[in-house]
Amino acid sequence: MSARLIARTESGEILYDTNKISYGLVKSGYLSYFENWRQLRLRGINVDPNIGSSWIDQGVPGEDQYGFTLEKPRSPIVFLVGRGVVTGVKESGGSKSYLFAGATANTKYYCFDLMQDDNAVGPSLKSWRDDSVLTFNSGQPALNVIAAIEAPTYGALDSRGRPLTAYINGYNERIRFQGASGCAQVHSLVNIPLSAGTEYAAFLPWSRSCGIIDWTNALDIYGVTEGAFGRVGGISFMFATPGRTTMQPFQGSSGANTSYYLLPTDRYPTALVIKTTGLPFPFN
């Protein structure tokens, strides 16, 4: 058996085990503006909605995309402090840009990736498996997940059996699209309290999507997707539109309330949570 080093906290929790592959911080900072993604609408009433060419950009500003770029990523995971839902990845050469909607320039990110032999200057402790795979590098701040929190179930139902909020004990908040002439959208959130005064960051390994029937926005229905983020004193789950979803007049009765259409309820994602205390910021 190869040599092994295990570090624990005073309470006995494992900080790292050099026999296991570890994740380390590779970059942190504030998200930056990248571009704006419009919603899509049918270009006519007699076109086939199953054909991509039947959809064109809305004529109003859409959802701003914020993100950051990472050089030669391997298997990164991104923890957020402040709002944001994952929308996609743009690739250029050996770099990838990770994009988030519903975010602002005040949203902070902490990106972790598989630890690697980065030849950093100064002393460090590194360990490899017998097959020469690096498992630990003390030159990188190690990922330490302190909690795993499952998203709550949905809120109260309207008269047609649709949730009025995406989460029980949650709330809806109206957010104006970017641009003075833009329309608005709804974010549905729930706040999960943790220790007061401590800043947390959250990562959602997978998420759900559904439609929102927005009664206050000319009875439109458009797509929303799920995210999770940290803040001081806890974390939050949220649904927000990612951009480039369809947005059409809802064909049916809304019940005179904003509600969520075809919200998946057979499974719920679990957010991973870290404390940001002691992590360098910004870091690259």
C-alpha atoms as a PDB file:
ATOM      1  CA  MET A   1       0.000   0.000   0.000  1.00  0.00           C
ATOM      2  CA  SER A   2       1.280   3.474  -0.856  1.00  0.00           C
ATOM      3  CA  ALA A   3       1.983   6.130   1.777  1.00  0.00           C
ATOM      4  CA  ARG A   4      -1.066   8.010   3.031  1.00  0.00           C
ATOM      5  CA  LEU A   5      -1.609  11.233   4.972  1.00  0.00           C
ATOM      6  CA  ILE A   6      -4.952  12.181   6.520  1.00  0.00           C
ATOM      7  CA  ALA A   7      -5.574  15.628   8.004  1.00  0.00           C
ATOM      8  CA  ARG A   8      -8.533  16.188  10.341  1.00  0.00           C
ATOM      9  CA  THR A   9     -10.112  19.119  12.128  1.00  0.00           C
ATOM     10  CA  GLU A  10     -10.209  19.257  15.918  1.00  0.00           C
ATOM     11  CA  SER A  11     -13.723  17.776  15.781  1.00  0.00           C
ATOM     12  CA  GLY A  12     -12.494  14.797  13.762  1.00  0.00           C
ATOM     13  CA  GLU A  13     -13.753  15.812  10.317  1.00  0.00           C
ATOM     14  CA  ILE A  14     -11.444  14.872   7.449  1.00  0.00           C
ATOM     15  CA  LEU A  15      -9.926  17.884   5.690  1.00  0.00           C
ATOM     16  CA  TYR A  16      -8.070  15.822   3.100  1.00  0.00           C
ATOM     17  CA  ASP A  17      -6.882  12.288   2.461  1.00  0.00           C
ATOM     18  CA  THR A  18      -3.891  12.028   0.119  1.00  0.00           C
ATOM     19  CA  ASN A  19      -5.054   8.580  -1.000  1.00  0.00           C
ATOM     20  CA  LYS A  20      -8.122  10.124  -2.600  1.00  0.00           C
ATOM     21  CA  ILE A  21      -8.290  12.502  -5.559  1.00  0.00           C
ATOM     22  CA  SER A  22      -8.891  16.041  -4.267  1.00  0.00           C
ATOM     23  CA  TYR A  23     -10.252  19.231  -5.748  1.00  0.00           C
ATOM     24  CA  GLY A  24      -8.401  22.503  -5.277  1.00  0.00           C
ATOM     25  CA  LEU A  25      -9.224  26.148  -5.871  1.00  0.00           C
ATOM     26  CA  VAL A  26      -8.017  27.330  -9.274  1.00  0.00           C
ATOM     27  CA  LYS A  27      -9.762  30.683  -9.649  1.00  0.00           C
ATOM     28  CA  SER A  28     -12.022  33.090  -7.764  1.00  0.00           C
ATOM     29  CA  GLY A  29     -13.360  36.570  -8.414  1.00  0.00           C
ATOM     30  CA  TYR A  30     -16.434  38.522  -9.509  1.00  0.00           C
ATOM     31  CA  LEU A  31     -18.416  37.432 -12.561  1.00  0.00           C
ATOM     32  CA  SER A  32     -17.979  39.663 -15.612  1.00  0.00           C
ATOM     33  CA  TYR A  33     -20.524  40.626 -18.273  1.00  0.00           C
ATOM     34  CA  PHE A  34     -20.223  38.585 -21.487  1.00  0.00           C
ATOM     35  CA  GLU A  35     -23.315  39.084 -23.675  1.00  0.00           C
ATOM     36  CA  ASN A  36     -27.110  39.313 -23.813  1.00  0.00           C
ATOM     37  CA  TRP A  37     -29.323  36.370 -24.778  1.00  0.00           C
ATOM     38  CA  ARG A  38     -32.792  37.110 -26.147  1.00  0.00           C
ATOM     39  CA  GLN A  39     -35.858  34.975 -25.582  1.00  0.00           C
ATOM     40  CA  LEU A  40     -37.426  33.299 -28.645  1.00  0.00           C
ATOM     41  CA  ARG A  41     -40.911  33.658 -30.114  1.00  0.00           C
ATOM     42  CA  LEU A  42     -42.684  32.065 -33.065  1.00  0.00           C
ATOM     43  CA  ARG A  43     -42.334  34.166 -36.227  1.00  0.00           C
ATOM     44  CA  GLY A  44     -45.901  33.433 -37.274  1.00  0.00           C
ATOM     45  CA  ILE A  45     -49.120  31.695 -36.275  1.00  0.00           C
ATOM     46  CA  ASN A  46     -48.977  29.061 -39.027  1.00  0.00           C
ATOM     47  CA  VAL A  47     -45.392  27.814 -38.610  1.00  0.00           C
ATOM     48  CA  ASP A  48     -44.290  24.485 -37.164  1.00  0.00           C
ATOM     49  CA  PRO A  49     -42.987  25.064 -33.589  1.00  0.00           C
ATOM     50  CA  ASN A  50     -40.917  21.874 -33.864  1.00  0.00           C
ATOM     51  CA  ILE A  51     -38.633  23.461 -36.479  1.00  0.00           C
ATOM     52  CA  GLY A  52     -35.814  25.681 -35.226  1.00  0.00           C
ATOM     53  CA  SER A  53     -36.215  28.204 -38.042  1.00  0.00           C
ATOM     54  CA  SER A  54     -39.766  28.918 -36.823  1.00  0.00           C
ATOM     55  CA  TRP A  55     -38.343  30.774 -33.825  1.00  0.00           C
ATOM     56  CA  ILE A  56     -36.822  34.265 -33.877  1.00  0.00           C
ATOM     57  CA  ASP A  57     -35.402  36.622 -31.265  1.00  0.00           C
ATOM     58  CA  GLN A  58     -37.761  38.667 -29.134  1.00  0.00           C
ATOM     59  CA  GLY A  59     -37.626  42.360 -29.972  1.00  0.00           C
ATOM     60  CA  VAL A  60     -36.724  43.407 -26.431  1.00  0.00           C
ATOM     61  CA  PRO A  61     -33.489  42.994 -24.448  1.00  0.00           C
ATOM     62  CA  GLY A  62     -33.118  39.567 -22.929  1.00  0.00           C
ATOM     63  CA  GLU A  63     -31.025  38.091 -20.158  1.00  0.00           C
ATOM     64  CA  ASP A  64     -27.468  39.303 -19.560  1.00  0.00           C
ATOM     65  CA  GLN A  65     -24.903  36.522 -19.273  1.00  0.00           C
ATOM     66  CA  TYR A  66     -22.142  36.846 -16.685  1.00  0.00           C
ATOM     67  CA  GLY A  67     -19.203  34.509 -16.332  1.00  0.00           C
ATOM     68  CA  PHE A  68     -15.476  33.871 -16.200  1.00  0.00           C
ATOM     69  CA  THR A  69     -12.883  32.083 -18.326  1.00  0.00           C
ATOM     70  CA  LEU A  70     -10.689  29.175 -17.280  1.00  0.00           C
ATOM     71  CA  GLU A  71      -7.616  27.978 -19.147  1.00  0.00           C
ATOM     72  CA  LYS A  72      -7.307  24.230 -19.791  1.00  0.00           C
ATOM     73  CA  PRO A  73     -10.017  23.086 -17.371  1.00  0.00           C
ATOM     74  CA  ARG A  74     -10.278  19.400 -16.503  1.00  0.00           C
ATOM     75  CA  SER A  75     -13.452  18.870 -14.467  1.00  0.00           C
ATOM     76  CA  PRO A  76     -14.291  22.199 -12.779  1.00  0.00           C
ATOM     77  CA  ILE A  77     -17.112  22.897 -10.348  1.00  0.00           C
ATOM     78  CA  VAL A  78     -18.227  26.435  -9.505  1.00  0.00           C
ATOM     79  CA  PHE A  79     -19.567  27.711  -6.186  1.00  0.00           C
ATOM     80  CA  LEU A  80     -21.440  31.025  -6.182  1.00  0.00           C
ATOM     81  CA  VAL A  81     -21.955  33.761  -3.613  1.00  0.00           C
ATOM     82  CA  GLY A  82     -24.864  35.779  -4.978  1.00  0.00           C
ATOM     83  CA  ARG A  83     -27.480  35.014  -7.597  1.00  0.00           C
ATOM     84  CA  GLY A  84     -26.857  32.983 -10.727  1.00  0.00           C
ATOM     85  CA  VAL A  85     -28.160  29.985 -12.685  1.00  0.00           C
ATOM     86  CA  VAL A  86     -25.906  28.036 -15.039  1.00  0.00           C
ATOM     87  CA  THR A  87     -26.671  28.619 -18.709  1.00  0.00           C
ATOM     88  CA  GLY A  88     -23.773  27.130 -20.650  1.00  0.00           C
ATOM     89  CA  VAL A  89     -20.114  26.977 -21.618  1.00  0.00           C
ATOM     90  CA  LYS A  90     -18.342  28.718 -24.504  1.00  0.00           C
ATOM     91  CA  GLU A  91     -15.108  27.158 -25.754  1.00  0.00           C
ATOM     92  CA  SER A  92     -12.241  28.871 -27.542  1.00  0.00           C
ATOM     93  CA  GLY A  93      -9.037  26.934 -28.083  1.00  0.00           C
ATOM     94  CA  GLY A  94      -7.883  25.591 -24.742  1.00  0.00           C
ATOM     95  CA  SER A  95     -10.084  27.901 -22.670  1.00  0.00           C
ATOM     96  CA  LYS A  96     -13.718  27.678 -21.604  1.00  0.00           C
ATOM     97  CA  SER A  97     -16.033  30.436 -20.393  1.00  0.00           C
ATOM     98  CA  TYR A  98     -18.698  29.478 -17.850  1.00  0.00           C
ATOM     99  CA  LEU A  99     -21.880  31.549 -18.130  1.00  0.00           C
ATOM    100  CA  PHE A 100     -24.624  32.362 -15.616  1.00  0.00           C
ATOM    101  CA  ALA A 101     -27.939  34.186 -15.940  1.00  0.00           C
ATOM    102  CA  GLY A 102     -29.837  36.024 -13.235  1.00  0.00           C
ATOM    103  CA  ALA A 103     -26.461  37.205 -11.937  1.00  0.00           C
ATOM    104  CA  THR A 104     -24.753  40.583 -11.581  1.00  0.00           C
ATOM    105  CA  ALA A 105     -21.217  41.930 -11.460  1.00  0.00           C
ATOM    106  CA  ASN A 106     -21.466  41.546  -7.668  1.00  0.00           C
ATOM    107  CA  THR A 107     -21.845  37.756  -7.865  1.00  0.00           C
ATOM    108  CA  LYS A 108     -18.701  36.029  -6.615  1.00  0.00           C
ATOM    109  CA  TYR A 109     -17.444  32.667  -7.845  1.00  0.00           C
ATOM    110  CA  TYR A 110     -15.039  30.088  -6.445  1.00  0.00           C
ATOM    111  CA  CYS A 111     -13.947  27.570  -9.085  1.00  0.00           C
ATOM    112  CA  PHE A 112     -12.388  24.263  -8.035  1.00  0.00           C
ATOM    113  CA  ASP A 113     -10.819  21.670 -10.300  1.00  0.00           C
ATOM    114  CA  LEU A 114      -8.914  18.418  -9.951  1.00  0.00           C
ATOM    115  CA  MET A 115      -5.601  19.127  -8.263  1.00  0.00           C
ATOM    116  CA  GLN A 116      -2.611  19.072 -10.580  1.00  0.00           C
ATOM    117  CA  ASP A 117       1.151  19.444 -10.518  1.00  0.00           C
ATOM    118  CA  ASP A 118       1.311  23.152 -11.287  1.00  0.00           C
ATOM    119  CA  ASN A 119       4.996  23.661 -10.456  1.00  0.00           C
ATOM    120  CA  ALA A 120       4.153  26.519  -8.111  1.00  0.00           C
ATOM    121  CA  VAL A 121       7.095  28.327  -6.524  1.00  0.00           C
ATOM    122  CA  GLY A 122       7.804  27.430  -2.882  1.00  0.00           C
ATOM    123  CA  PRO A 123       7.571  24.315  -0.736  1.00  0.00           C
ATOM    124  CA  SER A 124       4.489  22.112  -1.053  1.00  0.00           C
ATOM    125  CA  LEU A 125       3.261  18.623  -0.258  1.00  0.00           C
ATOM    126  CA  LYS A 126       2.156  16.515  -3.217  1.00  0.00           C
ATOM    127  CA  SER A 127       0.981  12.935  -3.396  1.00  0.00           C
ATOM    128  CA  TRP A 128       0.376  10.500  -6.235  1.00  0.00           C
ATOM    129  CA  ARG A 129      -1.403   7.182  -6.523  1.00  0.00           C
ATOM    130  CA  ASP A 130       0.498   4.104  -7.610  1.00  0.00           C
ATOM    131  CA  ASP A 131      -0.690   4.760 -11.168  1.00  0.00           C
ATOM    132  CA  SER A 132       0.994   8.218 -11.088  1.00  0.00           C
ATOM    133  CA  VAL A 133      -2.256  10.188 -10.783  1.00  0.00           C
ATOM    134  CA  LEU A 134      -1.805  13.288  -8.611  1.00  0.00           C
ATOM    135  CA  THR A 135      -4.250  13.215  -5.687  1.00  0.00           C
ATOM    136  CA  PHE A 136      -3.152  16.161  -3.577  1.00  0.00           C
ATOM    137  CA  ASN A 137      -1.179  19.395  -3.863  1.00  0.00           C
ATOM    138  CA  SER A 138      -0.903  21.571  -0.755  1.00  0.00           C
ATOM    139  CA  GLY A 139      -0.204  24.562  -3.026  1.00  0.00           C
ATOM    140  CA  GLN A 140      -3.895  24.663  -3.916  1.00  0.00           C
ATOM    141  CA  PRO A 141      -6.548  25.499  -1.287  1.00  0.00           C
ATOM    142  CA  ALA A 142      -8.500  22.264  -0.930  1.00  0.00           C
ATOM    143  CA  LEU A 143     -12.258  21.963  -1.449  1.00  0.00           C
ATOM    144  CA  ASN A 144     -13.991  21.353   1.876  1.00  0.00           C
ATOM    145  CA  VAL A 145     -17.743  20.736   1.548  1.00  0.00           C
ATOM    146  CA  ILE A 146     -19.374  21.449   4.901  1.00  0.00           C
ATOM    147  CA  ALA A 147     -23.018  20.692   4.047  1.00  0.00           C
ATOM    148  CA  ALA A 148     -25.287  19.092   1.438  1.00  0.00           C
ATOM    149  CA  ILE A 149     -28.777  20.621   1.358  1.00  0.00           C
ATOM    150  CA  GLU A 150     -31.689  19.313  -0.719  1.00  0.00           C
ATOM    151  CA  ALA A 151     -33.976  21.782  -2.452  1.00  0.00           C
ATOM    152  CA  PRO A 152     -37.348  22.152  -0.676  1.00  0.00           C
ATOM    153  CA  THR A 153     -40.570  20.947  -2.234  1.00  0.00           C
ATOM    154  CA  TYR A 154     -42.930  23.323  -4.059  1.00  0.00           C
ATOM    155  CA  GLY A 155     -45.189  25.927  -2.516  1.00  0.00           C
ATOM    156  CA  ALA A 156     -48.978  26.242  -2.313  1.00  0.00           C
ATOM    157  CA  LEU A 157     -51.019  25.330  -5.399  1.00  0.00           C
ATOM    158  CA  ASP A 158     -53.405  27.510  -7.358  1.00  0.00           C
ATOM    159  CA  SER A 159     -56.922  26.430  -8.297  1.00  0.00           C
ATOM    160  CA  ARG A 160     -55.553  24.459 -11.254  1.00  0.00           C
ATOM    161  CA  GLY A 161     -52.979  22.524  -9.232  1.00  0.00           C
ATOM    162  CA  ARG A 162     -49.926  24.545 -10.288  1.00  0.00           C
ATOM    163  CA  PRO A 163     -47.389  25.781  -7.684  1.00  0.00           C
ATOM    164  CA  LEU A 164     -47.564  29.506  -6.979  1.00  0.00           C
ATOM    165  CA  THR A 165     -43.920  29.470  -5.839  1.00  0.00           C
ATOM    166  CA  ALA A 166     -41.217  27.014  -6.815  1.00  0.00           C
ATOM    167  CA  TYR A 167     -40.421  26.319  -3.139  1.00  0.00           C
ATOM    168  CA  ILE A 168     -42.429  25.965   0.037  1.00  0.00           C
ATOM    169  CA  ASN A 169     -41.859  28.957   2.336  1.00  0.00           C
ATOM    170  CA  GLY A 170     -40.339  30.726  -0.662  1.00  0.00           C
ATOM    171  CA  TYR A 171     -41.307  33.866  -2.547  1.00  0.00           C
ATOM    172  CA  ASN A 172     -41.486  35.326  -6.038  1.00  0.00           C
ATOM    173  CA  GLU A 173     -39.628  38.496  -6.935  1.00  0.00           C
ATOM    174  CA  ARG A 174     -40.107  40.571 -10.048  1.00  0.00           C
ATOM    175  CA  ILE A 175     -36.841  41.413 -11.835  1.00  0.00           C
ATOM    176  CA  ARG A 176     -36.630  43.833 -14.755  1.00  0.00           C
ATOM    177  CA  PHE A 177     -34.858  42.639 -17.852  1.00  0.00           C
ATOM    178  CA  GLN A 178     -31.691  44.507 -18.717  1.00  0.00           C
ATOM    179  CA  GLY A 179     -32.375  47.607 -20.787  1.00  0.00           C
ATOM    180  CA  ALA A 180     -34.869  50.383 -20.198  1.00  0.00           C
ATOM    181  CA  SER A 181     -37.241  49.070 -22.878  1.00  0.00           C
ATOM    182  CA  GLY A 182     -37.125  45.476 -21.680  1.00  0.00           C
ATOM    183  CA  CYS A 183     -39.978  43.604 -20.087  1.00  0.00           C
ATOM    184  CA  ALA A 184     -39.652  41.869 -16.730  1.00  0.00           C
ATOM    185  CA  GLN A 185     -39.331  38.345 -15.396  1.00  0.00           C
ATOM    186  CA  VAL A 186     -39.948  36.542 -12.132  1.00  0.00           C
ATOM    187  CA  HIS A 187     -37.379  34.868  -9.881  1.00  0.00           C
ATOM    188  CA  SER A 188     -38.675  32.330  -7.375  1.00  0.00           C
ATOM    189  CA  LEU A 189     -36.442  31.902  -4.316  1.00  0.00           C
ATOM    190  CA  VAL A 190     -36.209  30.278  -0.907  1.00  0.00           C
ATOM    191  CA  ASN A 191     -33.636  31.155   1.750  1.00  0.00           C
ATOM    192  CA  ILE A 192     -32.062  28.417   3.894  1.00  0.00           C
ATOM    193  CA  PRO A 193     -30.487  29.812   7.096  1.00  0.00           C
ATOM    194  CA  LEU A 194     -27.120  28.577   8.355  1.00  0.00           C
ATOM    195  CA  SER A 195     -24.721  30.209  10.831  1.00  0.00           C
ATOM    196  CA  ALA A 196     -25.238  33.959  11.108  1.00  0.00           C
ATOM    197  CA  GLY A 197     -22.313  36.150  10.069  1.00  0.00           C
ATOM    198  CA  THR A 198     -20.601  33.433   7.984  1.00  0.00           C
ATOM    199  CA  GLU A 199     -20.382  33.708   4.201  1.00  0.00           C
ATOM    200  CA  TYR A 200     -21.244  30.573   2.242  1.00  0.00           C
ATOM    201  CA  ALA A 201     -20.969  29.580  -1.411  1.00  0.00           C
ATOM    202  CA  ALA A 202     -23.116  26.910  -3.088  1.00  0.00           C
ATOM    203  CA  PHE A 203     -22.877  24.605  -6.106  1.00  0.00           C
ATOM    204  CA  LEU A 204     -25.788  22.703  -7.656  1.00  0.00           C
ATOM    205  CA  PRO A 205     -24.552  19.540  -9.453  1.00  0.00           C
ATOM    206  CA  TRP A 206     -27.745  19.276 -11.541  1.00  0.00           C
ATOM    207  CA  SER A 207     -30.887  21.325 -11.831  1.00  0.00           C
ATOM    208  CA  ARG A 208     -34.497  21.287 -12.970  1.00  0.00           C
ATOM    209  CA  SER A 209     -36.311  23.398 -15.532  1.00  0.00           C
ATOM    210  CA  CYS A 210     -39.952  24.224 -16.169  1.00  0.00           C
ATOM    211  CA  GLY A 211     -42.229  26.940 -17.476  1.00  0.00           C
ATOM    212  CA  ILE A 212     -43.572  29.958 -15.645  1.00  0.00           C
ATOM    213  CA  ILE A 213     -46.987  31.396 -16.456  1.00  0.00           C
ATOM    214  CA  ASP A 214     -46.419  35.066 -15.783  1.00  0.00           C
ATOM    215  CA  TRP A 215     -49.857  36.599 -15.250  1.00  0.00           C
ATOM    216  CA  THR A 216     -48.369  40.056 -14.607  1.00  0.00           C
ATOM    217  CA  ASN A 217     -46.445  39.999 -17.904  1.00  0.00           C
ATOM    218  CA  ALA A 218     -49.324  39.866 -20.420  1.00  0.00           C
ATOM    219  CA  LEU A 219     -49.940  36.205 -19.535  1.00  0.00           C
ATOM    220  CA  ASP A 220     -46.724  34.949 -21.127  1.00  0.00           C
ATOM    221  CA  ILE A 221     -45.204  31.541 -20.519  1.00  0.00           C
ATOM    222  CA  TYR A 222     -41.427  31.219 -20.682  1.00  0.00           C
ATOM    223  CA  GLY A 223     -38.716  28.859 -19.512  1.00  0.00           C
ATOM    224  CA  VAL A 224     -36.892  28.993 -16.184  1.00  0.00           C
ATOM    225  CA  THR A 225     -34.106  26.889 -14.718  1.00  0.00           C
ATOM    226  CA  GLU A 226     -32.845  26.199 -11.215  1.00  0.00           C
ATOM    227  CA  GLY A 227     -29.747  27.378  -9.382  1.00  0.00           C
ATOM    228  CA  ALA A 228     -28.306  27.685  -5.896  1.00  0.00           C
ATOM    229  CA  PHE A 229     -26.047  30.305  -4.349  1.00  0.00           C
ATOM    230  CA  GLY A 230     -24.529  31.236  -1.019  1.00  0.00           C
ATOM    231  CA  ARG A 231     -24.719  34.424   0.988  1.00  0.00           C
ATOM    232  CA  VAL A 232     -23.866  35.662   4.470  1.00  0.00           C
ATOM    233  CA  GLY A 233     -25.874  33.552   6.899  1.00  0.00           C
ATOM    234  CA  GLY A 234     -27.066  30.826   4.550  1.00  0.00           C
ATOM    235  CA  ILE A 235     -27.789  29.691   1.013  1.00  0.00           C
ATOM    236  CA  SER A 236     -30.679  30.145  -1.406  1.00  0.00           C
ATOM    237  CA  PHE A 237     -32.295  28.131  -4.186  1.00  0.00           C
ATOM    238  CA  MET A 238     -33.806  29.968  -7.122  1.00  0.00           C
ATOM    239  CA  PHE A 239     -35.541  29.597 -10.476  1.00  0.00           C
ATOM    240  CA  ALA A 240     -34.767  32.211 -13.143  1.00  0.00           C
ATOM    241  CA  THR A 241     -34.889  32.434 -16.918  1.00  0.00           C
ATOM    242  CA  PRO A 242     -31.538  31.543 -18.533  1.00  0.00           C
ATOM    243  CA  GLY A 243     -32.193  33.315 -21.829  1.00  0.00           C
ATOM    244  CA  ARG A 244     -32.840  31.706 -25.262  1.00  0.00           C
ATOM    245  CA  THR A 245     -35.918  29.941 -23.926  1.00  0.00           C
ATOM    246  CA  THR A 246     -39.244  30.320 -25.703  1.00  0.00           C
ATOM    247  CA  MET A 247     -41.622  33.091 -24.600  1.00  0.00           C
ATOM    248  CA  GLN A 248     -45.179  32.905 -25.873  1.00  0.00           C
ATOM    249  CA  PRO A 249     -48.697  33.937 -24.841  1.00  0.00           C
ATOM    250  CA  PHE A 250     -50.118  31.215 -22.591  1.00  0.00           C
ATOM    251  CA  GLN A 251     -52.980  29.362 -24.262  1.00  0.00           C
ATOM    252  CA  GLY A 252     -55.256  28.644 -21.329  1.00  0.00           C
ATOM    253  CA  SER A 253     -56.540  30.010 -18.073  1.00  0.00           C
ATOM    254  CA  SER A 254     -53.915  31.297 -15.658  1.00  0.00           C
ATOM    255  CA  GLY A 255     -56.080  31.507 -12.577  1.00  0.00           C
ATOM    256  CA  ALA A 256     -55.019  35.173 -12.292  1.00  0.00           C
ATOM    257  CA  ASN A 257     -51.762  34.213 -10.563  1.00  0.00           C
ATOM    258  CA  THR A 258     -48.172  33.655 -11.579  1.00  0.00           C
ATOM    259  CA  SER A 259     -47.576  29.901 -11.380  1.00  0.00           C
ATOM    260  CA  TYR A 260     -45.122  27.191 -12.400  1.00  0.00           C
ATOM    261  CA  TYR A 261     -45.951  24.830 -15.249  1.00  0.00           C
ATOM    262  CA  LEU A 262     -44.686  21.229 -15.360  1.00  0.00           C
ATOM    263  CA  LEU A 263     -42.287  21.742 -12.432  1.00  0.00           C
ATOM    264  CA  PRO A 264     -40.505  18.379 -11.873  1.00  0.00           C
ATOM    265  CA  THR A 265     -41.379  16.983  -8.451  1.00  0.00           C
ATOM    266  CA  ASP A 266     -40.206  13.360  -8.670  1.00  0.00           C
ATOM    267  CA  ARG A 267     -36.680  14.297  -7.548  1.00  0.00           C
ATOM    268  CA  TYR A 268     -34.902  17.278  -6.002  1.00  0.00           C
ATOM    269  CA  PRO A 269     -31.275  18.405  -6.459  1.00  0.00           C
ATOM    270  CA  THR A 270     -28.874  18.764  -3.548  1.00  0.00           C
ATOM    271  CA  ALA A 271     -26.663  21.839  -3.216  1.00  0.00           C
ATOM    272  CA  LEU A 272     -23.096  21.436  -1.956  1.00  0.00           C
ATOM    273  CA  VAL A 273     -22.037  24.181   0.449  1.00  0.00           C
ATOM    274  CA  ILE A 274     -18.648  25.603   1.455  1.00  0.00           C
ATOM    275  CA  LYS A 275     -17.501  28.398   3.729  1.00  0.00           C
ATOM    276  CA  THR A 276     -15.495  31.092   1.952  1.00  0.00           C
ATOM    277  CA  THR A 277     -13.537  32.043   5.078  1.00  0.00           C
ATOM    278  CA  GLY A 278      -9.829  31.527   4.441  1.00  0.00           C
ATOM    279  CA  LEU A 279     -10.159  31.099   0.666  1.00  0.00           C
ATOM    280  CA  PRO A 280      -8.138  33.629  -1.351  1.00  0.00           C
ATOM    281  CA  PHE A 281     -10.193  36.178  -3.286  1.00  0.00           C
ATOM    282  CA  PRO A 282      -9.581  37.088  -6.000  1.00  0.00           C
ATOM    283  CA  PHE A 283      -7.379  34.144  -6.954  1.00  0.00           C
ATOM    284  CA  ASN A 284      -5.985  32.832 -10.216  1.00  0.00           C
END
